[in-house]
Amino acid sequence: MEEKAWFIKIEGRQEGPFTISKLRSDSRITPDTLARQENFSEWLPIRSIPELSALFEDPETLGEHVASAKKFFKDLPQDGVLVLDYKDKTPYFFYWLLVTLVVIAYVVYQLYFAS
């Protein structure tokens, strides 16, 4: 997957395109540096762009997130591959509810309408 191209303004001059990794390694970049992509209507400070604000995340906070993730995934095999499934699955209780309603409807039909 190709990274998005970012443009920045340094001392009033537009520079770019940059990838996020190149922005991370550029020592001139600050949270107040103006940035945009081609589809942006205006220049925004990096701190207000969620995708880029992580460039300046506090390392202590980041360490806490990493520790929390390690604690959460401690039971996983260390050499295994973690696969995340984002597909929306209908909960099983919905199916049980549907089956229950069908059975109740059948019983009511047999008791009151079928003679």
PDB file of N, CA and C in Angstrom:
ATOM      1  N   MET A   1       0.839  -1.177   0.000  1.00  0.00           N
ATOM      2  CA  MET A   1       0.000   0.000   0.000  1.00  0.00           C
ATOM      3  C   MET A   1       0.883   1.238   0.000  1.00  0.00           C
ATOM      4  N   GLU A   2       0.573   2.155  -0.862  1.00  0.00           N
ATOM      5  CA  GLU A   2       1.363   3.361  -1.005  1.00  0.00           C
ATOM      6  C   GLU A   2       0.976   4.369   0.066  1.00  0.00           C
ATOM      7  N   GLU A   3       2.002   4.995   0.671  1.00  0.00           N
ATOM      8  CA  GLU A   3       1.729   6.001   1.691  1.00  0.00           C
ATOM      9  C   GLU A   3       1.211   7.277   1.050  1.00  0.00           C
ATOM     10  N   LYS A   4       0.397   8.012   1.792  1.00  0.00           N
ATOM     11  CA  LYS A   4      -0.135   9.271   1.299  1.00  0.00           C
ATOM     12  C   LYS A   4       0.975  10.309   1.227  1.00  0.00           C
ATOM     13  N   ALA A   5       0.865  11.211   0.288  1.00  0.00           N
ATOM     14  CA  ALA A   5       1.841  12.282   0.133  1.00  0.00           C
ATOM     15  C   ALA A   5       1.387  13.514   0.913  1.00  0.00           C
ATOM     16  N   TRP A   6       2.301  14.061   1.702  1.00  0.00           N
ATOM     17  CA  TRP A   6       2.023  15.245   2.508  1.00  0.00           C
ATOM     18  C   TRP A   6       2.901  16.383   2.023  1.00  0.00           C
ATOM     19  N   PHE A   7       2.352  17.587   2.060  1.00  0.00           N
ATOM     20  CA  PHE A   7       3.100  18.790   1.734  1.00  0.00           C
ATOM     21  C   PHE A   7       3.180  19.629   2.996  1.00  0.00           C
ATOM     22  N   ILE A   8       4.310  20.328   3.188  1.00  0.00           N
ATOM     23  CA  ILE A   8       4.488  21.161   4.369  1.00  0.00           C
ATOM     24  C   ILE A   8       4.905  22.557   3.939  1.00  0.00           C
ATOM     25  N   LYS A   9       4.725  23.517   4.854  1.00  0.00           N
ATOM     26  CA  LYS A   9       5.200  24.879   4.638  1.00  0.00           C
ATOM     27  C   LYS A   9       6.286  25.151   5.668  1.00  0.00           C
ATOM     28  N   ILE A  10       7.481  25.420   5.181  1.00  0.00           N
ATOM     29  CA  ILE A  10       8.608  25.787   6.041  1.00  0.00           C
ATOM     30  C   ILE A  10       9.041  27.181   5.610  1.00  0.00           C
ATOM     31  N   GLU A  11       9.028  28.122   6.549  1.00  0.00           N
ATOM     32  CA  GLU A  11       9.402  29.514   6.279  1.00  0.00           C
ATOM     33  C   GLU A  11       8.652  30.073   5.071  1.00  0.00           C
ATOM     34  N   GLY A  12       7.358  29.753   4.972  1.00  0.00           N
ATOM     35  CA  GLY A  12       6.511  30.281   3.918  1.00  0.00           C
ATOM     36  C   GLY A  12       6.618  29.581   2.574  1.00  0.00           C
ATOM     37  N   ARG A  13       7.524  28.601   2.448  1.00  0.00           N
ATOM     38  CA  ARG A  13       7.690  27.882   1.183  1.00  0.00           C
ATOM     39  C   ARG A  13       7.083  26.484   1.304  1.00  0.00           C
ATOM     40  N   GLN A  14       6.372  26.094   0.253  1.00  0.00           N
ATOM     41  CA  GLN A  14       5.807  24.745   0.213  1.00  0.00           C
ATOM     42  C   GLN A  14       6.894  23.757  -0.178  1.00  0.00           C
ATOM     43  N   GLU A  15       6.939  22.641   0.555  1.00  0.00           N
ATOM     44  CA  GLU A  15       7.877  21.568   0.242  1.00  0.00           C
ATOM     45  C   GLU A  15       7.124  20.248   0.221  1.00  0.00           C
ATOM     46  N   GLY A  16       7.652  19.308  -0.531  1.00  0.00           N
ATOM     47  CA  GLY A  16       7.034  17.990  -0.565  1.00  0.00           C
ATOM     48  C   GLY A  16       6.952  17.475  -1.975  1.00  0.00           C
ATOM     49  N   PRO A  17       6.388  16.355  -2.150  1.00  0.00           N
ATOM     50  CA  PRO A  17       5.629  15.541  -1.182  1.00  0.00           C
ATOM     51  C   PRO A  17       6.543  14.735  -0.256  1.00  0.00           C
ATOM     52  N   PHE A  18       6.033  14.489   0.950  1.00  0.00           N
ATOM     53  CA  PHE A  18       6.727  13.704   1.965  1.00  0.00           C
ATOM     54  C   PHE A  18       5.842  12.537   2.381  1.00  0.00           C
ATOM     55  N   THR A  19       6.468  11.433   2.753  1.00  0.00           N
ATOM     56  CA  THR A  19       5.745  10.349   3.411  1.00  0.00           C
ATOM     57  C   THR A  19       5.813  10.620   4.917  1.00  0.00           C
ATOM     58  N   ILE A  20       5.027   9.927   5.688  1.00  0.00           N
ATOM     59  CA  ILE A  20       5.045  10.122   7.140  1.00  0.00           C
ATOM     60  C   ILE A  20       6.418   9.792   7.707  1.00  0.00           C
ATOM     61  N   SER A  21       7.056   8.744   7.199  1.00  0.00           N
ATOM     62  CA  SER A  21       8.380   8.387   7.717  1.00  0.00           C
ATOM     63  C   SER A  21       9.411   9.476   7.419  1.00  0.00           C
ATOM     64  N   LYS A  22       9.289  10.139   6.272  1.00  0.00           N
ATOM     65  CA  LYS A  22      10.210  11.247   5.962  1.00  0.00           C
ATOM     66  C   LYS A  22       9.913  12.455   6.851  1.00  0.00           C
ATOM     67  N   LEU A  23       8.636  12.699   7.122  1.00  0.00           N
ATOM     68  CA  LEU A  23       8.295  13.794   8.036  1.00  0.00           C
ATOM     69  C   LEU A  23       8.860  13.523   9.423  1.00  0.00           C
ATOM     70  N   ARG A  24       8.783  12.271   9.860  1.00  0.00           N
ATOM     71  CA  ARG A  24       9.285  11.894  11.184  1.00  0.00           C
ATOM     72  C   ARG A  24      10.781  12.156  11.298  1.00  0.00           C
ATOM     73  N   SER A  25      11.513  11.956  10.213  1.00  0.00           N
ATOM     74  CA  SER A  25      12.968  12.106  10.276  1.00  0.00           C
ATOM     75  C   SER A  25      13.437  13.531   9.985  1.00  0.00           C
ATOM     76  N   ASP A  26      12.551  14.434   9.575  1.00  0.00           N
ATOM     77  CA  ASP A  26      12.929  15.815   9.267  1.00  0.00           C
ATOM     78  C   ASP A  26      12.940  16.634  10.556  1.00  0.00           C
ATOM     79  N   SER A  27      14.112  17.138  10.941  1.00  0.00           N
ATOM     80  CA  SER A  27      14.251  17.852  12.214  1.00  0.00           C
ATOM     81  C   SER A  27      13.592  19.229  12.191  1.00  0.00           C
ATOM     82  N   ARG A  28      13.212  19.733  11.040  1.00  0.00           N
ATOM     83  CA  ARG A  28      12.574  21.048  10.947  1.00  0.00           C
ATOM     84  C   ARG A  28      11.093  20.994  11.304  1.00  0.00           C
ATOM     85  N   ILE A  29      10.517  19.816  11.333  1.00  0.00           N
ATOM     86  CA  ILE A  29       9.086  19.653  11.566  1.00  0.00           C
ATOM     87  C   ILE A  29       8.768  19.837  13.049  1.00  0.00           C
ATOM     88  N   THR A  30       7.760  20.650  13.330  1.00  0.00           N
ATOM     89  CA  THR A  30       7.266  20.856  14.699  1.00  0.00           C
ATOM     90  C   THR A  30       5.758  20.619  14.690  1.00  0.00           C
ATOM     91  N   PRO A  31       5.132  20.549  15.867  1.00  0.00           N
ATOM     92  CA  PRO A  31       3.674  20.396  15.888  1.00  0.00           C
ATOM     93  C   PRO A  31       2.932  21.558  15.226  1.00  0.00           C
ATOM     94  N   ASP A  32       3.588  22.722  15.116  1.00  0.00           N
ATOM     95  CA  ASP A  32       2.942  23.895  14.507  1.00  0.00           C
ATOM     96  C   ASP A  32       3.238  24.037  13.022  1.00  0.00           C
ATOM     97  N   THR A  33       4.032  23.138  12.456  1.00  0.00           N
ATOM     98  CA  THR A  33       4.313  23.185  11.019  1.00  0.00           C
ATOM     99  C   THR A  33       3.007  22.962  10.259  1.00  0.00           C
ATOM    100  N   LEU A  34       2.778  23.796   9.252  1.00  0.00           N
ATOM    101  CA  LEU A  34       1.567  23.663   8.445  1.00  0.00           C
ATOM    102  C   LEU A  34       1.729  22.524   7.444  1.00  0.00           C
ATOM    103  N   ALA A  35       0.686  21.719   7.298  1.00  0.00           N
ATOM    104  CA  ALA A  35       0.735  20.572   6.389  1.00  0.00           C
ATOM    105  C   ALA A  35      -0.609  20.427   5.685  1.00  0.00           C
ATOM    106  N   ARG A  36      -0.577  19.734   4.569  1.00  0.00           N
ATOM    107  CA  ARG A  36      -1.812  19.453   3.838  1.00  0.00           C
ATOM    108  C   ARG A  36      -1.562  18.335   2.843  1.00  0.00           C
ATOM    109  N   GLN A  37      -2.658  17.779   2.357  1.00  0.00           N
ATOM    110  CA  GLN A  37      -2.623  16.852   1.235  1.00  0.00           C
ATOM    111  C   GLN A  37      -3.343  17.521   0.085  1.00  0.00           C
ATOM    112  N   GLU A  38      -3.268  16.934  -1.088  1.00  0.00           N
ATOM    113  CA  GLU A  38      -3.894  17.554  -2.253  1.00  0.00           C
ATOM    114  C   GLU A  38      -5.399  17.737  -2.068  1.00  0.00           C
ATOM    115  N   ASN A  39      -6.047  16.848  -1.328  1.00  0.00           N
ATOM    116  CA  ASN A  39      -7.498  16.956  -1.160  1.00  0.00           C
ATOM    117  C   ASN A  39      -7.906  17.881  -0.015  1.00  0.00           C
ATOM    118  N   PHE A  40      -6.948  18.484   0.692  1.00  0.00           N
ATOM    119  CA  PHE A  40      -7.264  19.421   1.769  1.00  0.00           C
ATOM    120  C   PHE A  40      -7.586  20.789   1.169  1.00  0.00           C
ATOM    121  N   SER A  41      -8.526  21.492   1.771  1.00  0.00           N
ATOM    122  CA  SER A  41      -8.866  22.828   1.274  1.00  0.00           C
ATOM    123  C   SER A  41      -7.977  23.910   1.880  1.00  0.00           C
ATOM    124  N   GLU A  42      -7.312  23.612   2.993  1.00  0.00           N
ATOM    125  CA  GLU A  42      -6.471  24.618   3.642  1.00  0.00           C
ATOM    126  C   GLU A  42      -5.297  23.955   4.347  1.00  0.00           C
ATOM    127  N   TRP A  43      -4.314  24.769   4.696  1.00  0.00           N
ATOM    128  CA  TRP A  43      -3.152  24.305   5.451  1.00  0.00           C
ATOM    129  C   TRP A  43      -3.539  24.205   6.914  1.00  0.00           C
ATOM    130  N   LEU A  44      -3.126  23.129   7.570  1.00  0.00           N
ATOM    131  CA  LEU A  44      -3.443  22.914   8.981  1.00  0.00           C
ATOM    132  C   LEU A  44      -2.159  22.622   9.748  1.00  0.00           C
ATOM    133  N   PRO A  45      -2.083  23.034  11.037  1.00  0.00           N
ATOM    134  CA  PRO A  45      -0.933  22.641  11.847  1.00  0.00           C
ATOM    135  C   PRO A  45      -0.936  21.126  12.053  1.00  0.00           C
ATOM    136  N   ILE A  46       0.240  20.541  12.061  1.00  0.00           N
ATOM    137  CA  ILE A  46       0.356  19.082  12.195  1.00  0.00           C
ATOM    138  C   ILE A  46      -0.361  18.582  13.443  1.00  0.00           C
ATOM    139  N   ARG A  47      -0.334  19.354  14.518  1.00  0.00           N
ATOM    140  CA  ARG A  47      -0.971  18.915  15.769  1.00  0.00           C
ATOM    141  C   ARG A  47      -2.475  18.705  15.609  1.00  0.00           C
ATOM    142  N   SER A  48      -3.102  19.340  14.612  1.00  0.00           N
ATOM    143  CA  SER A  48      -4.548  19.195  14.432  1.00  0.00           C
ATOM    144  C   SER A  48      -4.929  18.159  13.379  1.00  0.00           C
ATOM    145  N   ILE A  49      -3.948  17.465  12.820  1.00  0.00           N
ATOM    146  CA  ILE A  49      -4.200  16.398  11.841  1.00  0.00           C
ATOM    147  C   ILE A  49      -3.967  15.071  12.556  1.00  0.00           C
ATOM    148  N   PRO A  50      -5.035  14.322  12.845  1.00  0.00           N
ATOM    149  CA  PRO A  50      -4.886  13.093  13.637  1.00  0.00           C
ATOM    150  C   PRO A  50      -3.830  12.137  13.088  1.00  0.00           C
ATOM    151  N   GLU A  51      -3.757  12.006  11.797  1.00  0.00           N
ATOM    152  CA  GLU A  51      -2.808  11.078  11.188  1.00  0.00           C
ATOM    153  C   GLU A  51      -1.354  11.487  11.429  1.00  0.00           C
ATOM    154  N   LEU A  52      -1.106  12.786  11.595  1.00  0.00           N
ATOM    155  CA  LEU A  52       0.255  13.271  11.778  1.00  0.00           C
ATOM    156  C   LEU A  52       0.580  13.645  13.218  1.00  0.00           C
ATOM    157  N   SER A  53      -0.419  13.867  14.043  1.00  0.00           N
ATOM    158  CA  SER A  53      -0.162  14.296  15.416  1.00  0.00           C
ATOM    159  C   SER A  53       0.634  13.255  16.205  1.00  0.00           C
ATOM    160  N   ALA A  54       0.556  11.994  15.792  1.00  0.00           N
ATOM    161  CA  ALA A  54       1.318  10.933  16.473  1.00  0.00           C
ATOM    162  C   ALA A  54       2.823  11.118  16.315  1.00  0.00           C
ATOM    163  N   LEU A  55       3.242  11.945  15.347  1.00  0.00           N
ATOM    164  CA  LEU A  55       4.675  12.212  15.182  1.00  0.00           C
ATOM    165  C   LEU A  55       5.260  12.849  16.433  1.00  0.00           C
ATOM    166  N   PHE A  56       4.423  13.522  17.211  1.00  0.00           N
ATOM    167  CA  PHE A  56       4.901  14.255  18.381  1.00  0.00           C
ATOM    168  C   PHE A  56       4.300  13.737  19.678  1.00  0.00           C
ATOM    169  N   GLU A  57       3.827  12.496  19.664  1.00  0.00           N
ATOM    170  CA  GLU A  57       3.246  11.917  20.876  1.00  0.00           C
ATOM    171  C   GLU A  57       4.327  11.759  21.934  1.00  0.00           C
ATOM    172  N   ASP A  58       3.942  12.026  23.154  1.00  0.00           N
ATOM    173  CA  ASP A  58       4.857  11.933  24.284  1.00  0.00           C
ATOM    174  C   ASP A  58       5.382  10.499  24.411  1.00  0.00           C
ATOM    175  N   PRO A  59       6.710  10.293  24.414  1.00  0.00           N
ATOM    176  CA  PRO A  59       7.258   8.932  24.498  1.00  0.00           C
ATOM    177  C   PRO A  59       6.815   8.174  25.747  1.00  0.00           C
ATOM    178  N   GLU A  60       6.610   8.902  26.872  1.00  0.00           N
ATOM    179  CA  GLU A  60       6.152   8.216  28.089  1.00  0.00           C
ATOM    180  C   GLU A  60       4.744   7.671  27.890  1.00  0.00           C
ATOM    181  N   THR A  61       3.878   8.455  27.280  1.00  0.00           N
ATOM    182  CA  THR A  61       2.516   8.001  27.001  1.00  0.00           C
ATOM    183  C   THR A  61       2.539   6.835  26.032  1.00  0.00           C
ATOM    184  N   LEU A  62       3.390   6.939  25.022  1.00  0.00           N
ATOM    185  CA  LEU A  62       3.516   5.857  24.055  1.00  0.00           C
ATOM    186  C   LEU A  62       3.990   4.588  24.751  1.00  0.00           C
ATOM    187  N   GLY A  63       4.924   4.716  25.684  1.00  0.00           N
ATOM    188  CA  GLY A  63       5.400   3.560  26.443  1.00  0.00           C
ATOM    189  C   GLY A  63       4.294   2.906  27.244  1.00  0.00           C
ATOM    190  N   GLU A  64       3.404   3.727  27.806  1.00  0.00           N
ATOM    191  CA  GLU A  64       2.275   3.185  28.557  1.00  0.00           C
ATOM    192  C   GLU A  64       1.344   2.401  27.639  1.00  0.00           C
ATOM    193  N   HIS A  65       1.125   2.909  26.420  1.00  0.00           N
ATOM    194  CA  HIS A  65       0.274   2.201  25.463  1.00  0.00           C
ATOM    195  C   HIS A  65       0.897   0.860  25.083  1.00  0.00           C
ATOM    196  N   VAL A  66       2.199   0.852  24.861  1.00  0.00           N
ATOM    197  CA  VAL A  66       2.888  -0.387  24.491  1.00  0.00           C
ATOM    198  C   VAL A  66       2.810  -1.390  25.634  1.00  0.00           C
ATOM    199  N   ALA A  67       3.044  -0.926  26.865  1.00  0.00           N
ATOM    200  CA  ALA A  67       2.964  -1.824  28.028  1.00  0.00           C
ATOM    201  C   ALA A  67       1.557  -2.390  28.176  1.00  0.00           C
ATOM    202  N   SER A  68       0.554  -1.548  27.967  1.00  0.00           N
ATOM    203  CA  SER A  68      -0.830  -2.001  28.055  1.00  0.00           C
ATOM    204  C   SER A  68      -1.127  -3.050  26.987  1.00  0.00           C
ATOM    205  N   ALA A  69      -0.641  -2.831  25.781  1.00  0.00           N
ATOM    206  CA  ALA A  69      -0.856  -3.797  24.702  1.00  0.00           C
ATOM    207  C   ALA A  69      -0.148  -5.116  25.009  1.00  0.00           C
ATOM    208  N   LYS A  70       1.068  -5.045  25.525  1.00  0.00           N
ATOM    209  CA  LYS A  70       1.799  -6.277  25.862  1.00  0.00           C
ATOM    210  C   LYS A  70       1.060  -7.059  26.941  1.00  0.00           C
ATOM    211  N   LYS A  71       0.512  -6.343  27.926  1.00  0.00           N
ATOM    212  CA  LYS A  71      -0.234  -7.007  28.999  1.00  0.00           C
ATOM    213  C   LYS A  71      -1.487  -7.679  28.423  1.00  0.00           C
ATOM    214  N   PHE A  72      -2.174  -6.993  27.502  1.00  0.00           N
ATOM    215  CA  PHE A  72      -3.386  -7.529  26.904  1.00  0.00           C
ATOM    216  C   PHE A  72      -3.104  -8.776  26.082  1.00  0.00           C
ATOM    217  N   PHE A  73      -1.990  -8.782  25.354  1.00  0.00           N
ATOM    218  CA  PHE A  73      -1.678  -9.886  24.444  1.00  0.00           C
ATOM    219  C   PHE A  73      -0.678 -10.883  25.036  1.00  0.00           C
ATOM    220  N   LYS A  74      -0.476 -10.876  26.346  1.00  0.00           N
ATOM    221  CA  LYS A  74       0.552 -11.725  26.960  1.00  0.00           C
ATOM    222  C   LYS A  74       0.307 -13.217  26.750  1.00  0.00           C
ATOM    223  N   ASP A  75      -0.944 -13.627  26.594  1.00  0.00           N
ATOM    224  CA  ASP A  75      -1.255 -15.043  26.442  1.00  0.00           C
ATOM    225  C   ASP A  75      -1.100 -15.551  25.011  1.00  0.00           C
ATOM    226  N   LEU A  76      -0.850 -14.654  24.080  1.00  0.00           N
ATOM    227  CA  LEU A  76      -0.680 -15.080  22.693  1.00  0.00           C
ATOM    228  C   LEU A  76       0.703 -15.672  22.485  1.00  0.00           C
ATOM    229  N   PRO A  77       0.830 -16.639  21.592  1.00  0.00           N
ATOM    230  CA  PRO A  77       2.155 -17.180  21.305  1.00  0.00           C
ATOM    231  C   PRO A  77       3.043 -16.084  20.716  1.00  0.00           C
ATOM    232  N   GLN A  78       4.273 -16.008  21.184  1.00  0.00           N
ATOM    233  CA  GLN A  78       5.170 -14.939  20.753  1.00  0.00           C
ATOM    234  C   GLN A  78       5.620 -15.084  19.305  1.00  0.00           C
ATOM    235  N   ASP A  79       5.620 -16.304  18.795  1.00  0.00           N
ATOM    236  CA  ASP A  79       6.067 -16.508  17.422  1.00  0.00           C
ATOM    237  C   ASP A  79       4.896 -16.635  16.451  1.00  0.00           C
ATOM    238  N   GLY A  80       3.677 -16.487  16.958  1.00  0.00           N
ATOM    239  CA  GLY A  80       2.491 -16.646  16.118  1.00  0.00           C
ATOM    240  C   GLY A  80       2.144 -15.361  15.390  1.00  0.00           C
ATOM    241  N   VAL A  81       1.174 -15.458  14.552  1.00  0.00           N
ATOM    242  CA  VAL A  81       0.690 -14.315  13.799  1.00  0.00           C
ATOM    243  C   VAL A  81      -0.675 -13.936  14.339  1.00  0.00           C
ATOM    244  N   LEU A  82      -0.856 -12.677  14.634  1.00  0.00           N
ATOM    245  CA  LEU A  82      -2.130 -12.193  15.135  1.00  0.00           C
ATOM    246  C   LEU A  82      -2.967 -11.726  13.958  1.00  0.00           C
ATOM    247  N   VAL A  83      -4.147 -12.297  13.817  1.00  0.00           N
ATOM    248  CA  VAL A  83      -5.046 -11.916  12.736  1.00  0.00           C
ATOM    249  C   VAL A  83      -6.256 -11.246  13.367  1.00  0.00           C
ATOM    250  N   LEU A  84      -6.524 -10.020  12.963  1.00  0.00           N
ATOM    251  CA  LEU A  84      -7.676  -9.296  13.472  1.00  0.00           C
ATOM    252  C   LEU A  84      -8.791  -9.368  12.441  1.00  0.00           C
ATOM    253  N   ASP A  85      -9.961  -9.765  12.886  1.00  0.00           N
ATOM    254  CA  ASP A  85     -11.105  -9.901  12.002  1.00  0.00           C
ATOM    255  C   ASP A  85     -12.084  -8.772  12.314  1.00  0.00           C
ATOM    256  N   TYR A  86     -12.244  -7.843  11.386  1.00  0.00           N
ATOM    257  CA  TYR A  86     -13.103  -6.698  11.612  1.00  0.00           C
ATOM    258  C   TYR A  86     -14.508  -6.875  11.036  1.00  0.00           C
ATOM    259  N   LYS A  87     -14.827  -8.042  10.531  1.00  0.00           N
ATOM    260  CA  LYS A  87     -16.134  -8.255   9.941  1.00  0.00           C
ATOM    261  C   LYS A  87     -17.203  -8.199  11.014  1.00  0.00           C
ATOM    262  N   ASP A  88     -18.286  -7.541  10.697  1.00  0.00           N
ATOM    263  CA  ASP A  88     -19.410  -7.449  11.630  1.00  0.00           C
ATOM    264  C   ASP A  88     -20.179  -8.763  11.595  1.00  0.00           C
ATOM    265  N   LYS A  89     -20.241  -9.426  12.714  1.00  0.00           N
ATOM    266  CA  LYS A  89     -20.939 -10.708  12.785  1.00  0.00           C
ATOM    267  C   LYS A  89     -22.181 -10.549  13.642  1.00  0.00           C
ATOM    268  N   THR A  90     -23.274 -11.121  13.178  1.00  0.00           N
ATOM    269  CA  THR A  90     -24.517 -11.068  13.925  1.00  0.00           C
ATOM    270  C   THR A  90     -24.375 -11.953  15.157  1.00  0.00           C
ATOM    271  N   PRO A  91     -24.712 -11.424  16.333  1.00  0.00           N
ATOM    272  CA  PRO A  91     -24.579 -12.217  17.567  1.00  0.00           C
ATOM    273  C   PRO A  91     -25.467 -13.460  17.531  1.00  0.00           C
ATOM    274  N   TYR A  92     -24.982 -14.525  18.161  1.00  0.00           N
ATOM    275  CA  TYR A  92     -25.718 -15.785  18.168  1.00  0.00           C
ATOM    276  C   TYR A  92     -27.073 -15.667  18.842  1.00  0.00           C
ATOM    277  N   PHE A  93     -27.207 -14.799  19.846  1.00  0.00           N
ATOM    278  CA  PHE A  93     -28.505 -14.708  20.531  1.00  0.00           C
ATOM    279  C   PHE A  93     -29.592 -14.260  19.574  1.00  0.00           C
ATOM    280  N   PHE A  94     -29.230 -13.504  18.531  1.00  0.00           N
ATOM    281  CA  PHE A  94     -30.221 -13.105  17.534  1.00  0.00           C
ATOM    282  C   PHE A  94     -30.813 -14.330  16.849  1.00  0.00           C
ATOM    283  N   TYR A  95     -29.963 -15.302  16.509  1.00  0.00           N
ATOM    284  CA  TYR A  95     -30.452 -16.526  15.878  1.00  0.00           C
ATOM    285  C   TYR A  95     -31.331 -17.327  16.829  1.00  0.00           C
ATOM    286  N   TRP A  96     -30.938 -17.413  18.094  1.00  0.00           N
ATOM    287  CA  TRP A  96     -31.747 -18.136  19.074  1.00  0.00           C
ATOM    288  C   TRP A  96     -33.101 -17.453  19.270  1.00  0.00           C
ATOM    289  N   LEU A  97     -33.098 -16.129  19.271  1.00  0.00           N
ATOM    290  CA  LEU A  97     -34.344 -15.384  19.393  1.00  0.00           C
ATOM    291  C   LEU A  97     -35.248 -15.660  18.200  1.00  0.00           C
ATOM    292  N   LEU A  98     -34.699 -15.678  17.033  1.00  0.00           N
ATOM    293  CA  LEU A  98     -35.465 -15.952  15.823  1.00  0.00           C
ATOM    294  C   LEU A  98     -36.067 -17.356  15.860  1.00  0.00           C
ATOM    295  N   VAL A  99     -35.257 -18.344  16.237  1.00  0.00           N
ATOM    296  CA  VAL A  99     -35.751 -19.724  16.332  1.00  0.00           C
ATOM    297  C   VAL A  99     -36.852 -19.822  17.382  1.00  0.00           C
ATOM    298  N   THR A 100     -36.667 -19.162  18.517  1.00  0.00           N
ATOM    299  CA  THR A 100     -37.664 -19.191  19.589  1.00  0.00           C
ATOM    300  C   THR A 100     -38.980 -18.582  19.114  1.00  0.00           C
ATOM    301  N   LEU A 101     -38.909 -17.459  18.406  1.00  0.00           N
ATOM    302  CA  LEU A 101     -40.133 -16.825  17.903  1.00  0.00           C
ATOM    303  C   LEU A 101     -40.851 -17.706  16.886  1.00  0.00           C
ATOM    304  N   VAL A 102     -40.110 -18.390  16.049  1.00  0.00           N
ATOM    305  CA  VAL A 102     -40.715 -19.296  15.071  1.00  0.00           C
ATOM    306  C   VAL A 102     -41.408 -20.447  15.791  1.00  0.00           C
ATOM    307  N   VAL A 103     -40.779 -21.024  16.798  1.00  0.00           N
ATOM    308  CA  VAL A 103     -41.381 -22.126  17.558  1.00  0.00           C
ATOM    309  C   VAL A 103     -42.642 -21.655  18.263  1.00  0.00           C
ATOM    310  N   ILE A 104     -42.603 -20.474  18.889  1.00  0.00           N
ATOM    311  CA  ILE A 104     -43.784 -19.941  19.578  1.00  0.00           C
ATOM    312  C   ILE A 104     -44.916 -19.700  18.579  1.00  0.00           C
ATOM    313  N   ALA A 105     -44.579 -19.133  17.418  1.00  0.00           N
ATOM    314  CA  ALA A 105     -45.602 -18.901  16.395  1.00  0.00           C
ATOM    315  C   ALA A 105     -46.212 -20.220  15.944  1.00  0.00           C
ATOM    316  N   TYR A 106     -45.414 -21.260  15.782  1.00  0.00           N
ATOM    317  CA  TYR A 106     -45.924 -22.576  15.377  1.00  0.00           C
ATOM    318  C   TYR A 106     -46.851 -23.150  16.435  1.00  0.00           C
ATOM    319  N   VAL A 107     -46.454 -23.056  17.702  1.00  0.00           N
ATOM    320  CA  VAL A 107     -47.280 -23.590  18.792  1.00  0.00           C
ATOM    321  C   VAL A 107     -48.602 -22.837  18.864  1.00  0.00           C
ATOM    322  N   VAL A 108     -48.564 -21.503  18.764  1.00  0.00           N
ATOM    323  CA  VAL A 108     -49.794 -20.708  18.803  1.00  0.00           C
ATOM    324  C   VAL A 108     -50.688 -21.084  17.631  1.00  0.00           C
ATOM    325  N   TYR A 109     -50.124 -21.231  16.468  1.00  0.00           N
ATOM    326  CA  TYR A 109     -50.907 -21.629  15.295  1.00  0.00           C
ATOM    327  C   TYR A 109     -51.570 -22.978  15.521  1.00  0.00           C
ATOM    328  N   GLN A 110     -50.820 -23.957  16.037  1.00  0.00           N
ATOM    329  CA  GLN A 110     -51.360 -25.290  16.270  1.00  0.00           C
ATOM    330  C   GLN A 110     -52.470 -25.277  17.324  1.00  0.00           C
ATOM    331  N   LEU A 111     -52.302 -24.465  18.368  1.00  0.00           N
ATOM    332  CA  LEU A 111     -53.288 -24.421  19.446  1.00  0.00           C
ATOM    333  C   LEU A 111     -54.578 -23.713  19.052  1.00  0.00           C
ATOM    334  N   TYR A 112     -54.460 -22.618  18.310  1.00  0.00           N
ATOM    335  CA  TYR A 112     -55.647 -21.790  18.069  1.00  0.00           C
ATOM    336  C   TYR A 112     -56.223 -21.863  16.660  1.00  0.00           C
ATOM    337  N   PHE A 113     -55.407 -22.177  15.678  1.00  0.00           N
ATOM    338  CA  PHE A 113     -55.901 -22.099  14.299  1.00  0.00           C
ATOM    339  C   PHE A 113     -56.005 -23.460  13.604  1.00  0.00           C
ATOM    340  N   ALA A 114     -55.186 -24.393  13.956  1.00  0.00           N
ATOM    341  CA  ALA A 114     -55.249 -25.714  13.325  1.00  0.00           C
ATOM    342  C   ALA A 114     -56.155 -26.610  14.154  1.00  0.00           C
ATOM    343  N   SER A 115     -57.142 -27.143  13.520  1.00  0.00           N
ATOM    344  CA  SER A 115     -58.049 -28.024  14.282  1.00  0.00           C
ATOM    345  C   SER A 115     -58.115 -29.383  13.632  1.00  0.00           C
TER     346      SER A 115
END
